[in-house]
Amino acid sequence: MLVDFRLASTLTTQTFNGDDLASFADELVANAKTFVDKYREDLNQCIMKRLGKK
């Protein structure tokens, strides 16, 4: 999609992307793991490995 930057500078983000952008972004990251979730999972696996459990 080619955008004329003169025209794009007069458009709001909502006009350019649509009304549903916020809900799309919310759904996109709803089930994403955070850094803390991943770190906790890795730490638990490391501890279980050292204790000899799987």
C-alpha atoms as a PDB file:
ATOM      1  CA  MET A   1       0.000   0.000   0.000  1.00  0.00           C
ATOM      2  CA  LEU A   2       1.488   3.315  -1.025  1.00  0.00           C
ATOM      3  CA  VAL A   3       0.820   6.252   1.252  1.00  0.00           C
ATOM      4  CA  ASP A   4       1.015   9.872   0.265  1.00  0.00           C
ATOM      5  CA  PHE A   5       2.770  11.361   3.299  1.00  0.00           C
ATOM      6  CA  ARG A   6       1.012  14.695   2.856  1.00  0.00           C
ATOM      7  CA  LEU A   7      -2.303  12.913   3.164  1.00  0.00           C
ATOM      8  CA  ALA A   8      -1.098  10.600   5.931  1.00  0.00           C
ATOM      9  CA  SER A   9      -0.015  13.527   8.075  1.00  0.00           C
ATOM     10  CA  THR A  10      -3.616  14.766   8.167  1.00  0.00           C
ATOM     11  CA  LEU A  11      -5.069  11.405   9.181  1.00  0.00           C
ATOM     12  CA  THR A  12      -5.382  10.206  12.741  1.00  0.00           C
ATOM     13  CA  THR A  13      -4.170   6.746  13.700  1.00  0.00           C
ATOM     14  CA  GLN A  14      -7.752   5.671  14.265  1.00  0.00           C
ATOM     15  CA  THR A  15      -8.775   6.800  10.782  1.00  0.00           C
ATOM     16  CA  PHE A  16      -5.774   5.170   9.144  1.00  0.00           C
ATOM     17  CA  ASN A  17      -5.897   1.845  11.017  1.00  0.00           C
ATOM     18  CA  GLY A  18      -9.560   1.509  11.877  1.00  0.00           C
ATOM     19  CA  ASP A  19     -11.596   1.461  15.046  1.00  0.00           C
ATOM     20  CA  ASP A  20     -10.662  -2.075  16.002  1.00  0.00           C
ATOM     21  CA  LEU A  21      -6.891  -1.577  16.421  1.00  0.00           C
ATOM     22  CA  ALA A  22      -6.918  -1.521  20.229  1.00  0.00           C
ATOM     23  CA  SER A  23      -8.973  -4.695  20.517  1.00  0.00           C
ATOM     24  CA  PHE A  24      -6.749  -6.392  17.922  1.00  0.00           C
ATOM     25  CA  ALA A  25      -3.638  -5.517  19.923  1.00  0.00           C
ATOM     26  CA  ASP A  26      -5.248  -6.712  23.167  1.00  0.00           C
ATOM     27  CA  GLU A  27      -6.126 -10.064  21.623  1.00  0.00           C
ATOM     28  CA  LEU A  28      -2.655 -10.373  20.120  1.00  0.00           C
ATOM     29  CA  VAL A  29      -0.902 -10.141  23.479  1.00  0.00           C
ATOM     30  CA  ALA A  30      -3.602 -11.745  25.655  1.00  0.00           C
ATOM     31  CA  ASN A  31      -1.891 -15.134  25.841  1.00  0.00           C
ATOM     32  CA  ALA A  32       1.685 -13.983  25.355  1.00  0.00           C
ATOM     33  CA  LYS A  33       4.181 -14.976  28.031  1.00  0.00           C
ATOM     34  CA  THR A  34       5.857 -12.148  29.871  1.00  0.00           C
ATOM     35  CA  PHE A  35       9.547 -12.097  30.749  1.00  0.00           C
ATOM     36  CA  VAL A  36       8.665 -13.000  34.340  1.00  0.00           C
ATOM     37  CA  ASP A  37       6.578 -15.988  33.221  1.00  0.00           C
ATOM     38  CA  LYS A  38       9.404 -17.310  31.065  1.00  0.00           C
ATOM     39  CA  TYR A  39      12.012 -16.698  33.784  1.00  0.00           C
ATOM     40  CA  ARG A  40       9.862 -18.463  36.395  1.00  0.00           C
ATOM     41  CA  GLU A  41       9.324 -21.442  34.089  1.00  0.00           C
ATOM     42  CA  ASP A  42      13.058 -21.721  33.319  1.00  0.00           C
ATOM     43  CA  LEU A  43      13.947 -21.415  37.000  1.00  0.00           C
ATOM     44  CA  ASN A  44      11.464 -24.115  37.979  1.00  0.00           C
ATOM     45  CA  GLN A  45      12.832 -26.447  35.297  1.00  0.00           C
ATOM     46  CA  CYS A  46      16.393 -25.830  36.486  1.00  0.00           C
ATOM     47  CA  ILE A  47      15.448 -26.566  40.099  1.00  0.00           C
ATOM     48  CA  MET A  48      13.583 -29.729  39.148  1.00  0.00           C
ATOM     49  CA  LYS A  49      16.560 -30.878  37.048  1.00  0.00           C
ATOM     50  CA  ARG A  50      18.955 -30.391  39.978  1.00  0.00           C
ATOM     51  CA  LEU A  51      16.617 -32.257  42.318  1.00  0.00           C
ATOM     52  CA  GLY A  52      16.475 -35.124  39.838  1.00  0.00           C
ATOM     53  CA  LYS A  53      12.796 -34.814  39.013  1.00  0.00           C
ATOM     54  CA  LYS A  54      11.116 -34.295  35.680  1.00  0.00           C
END
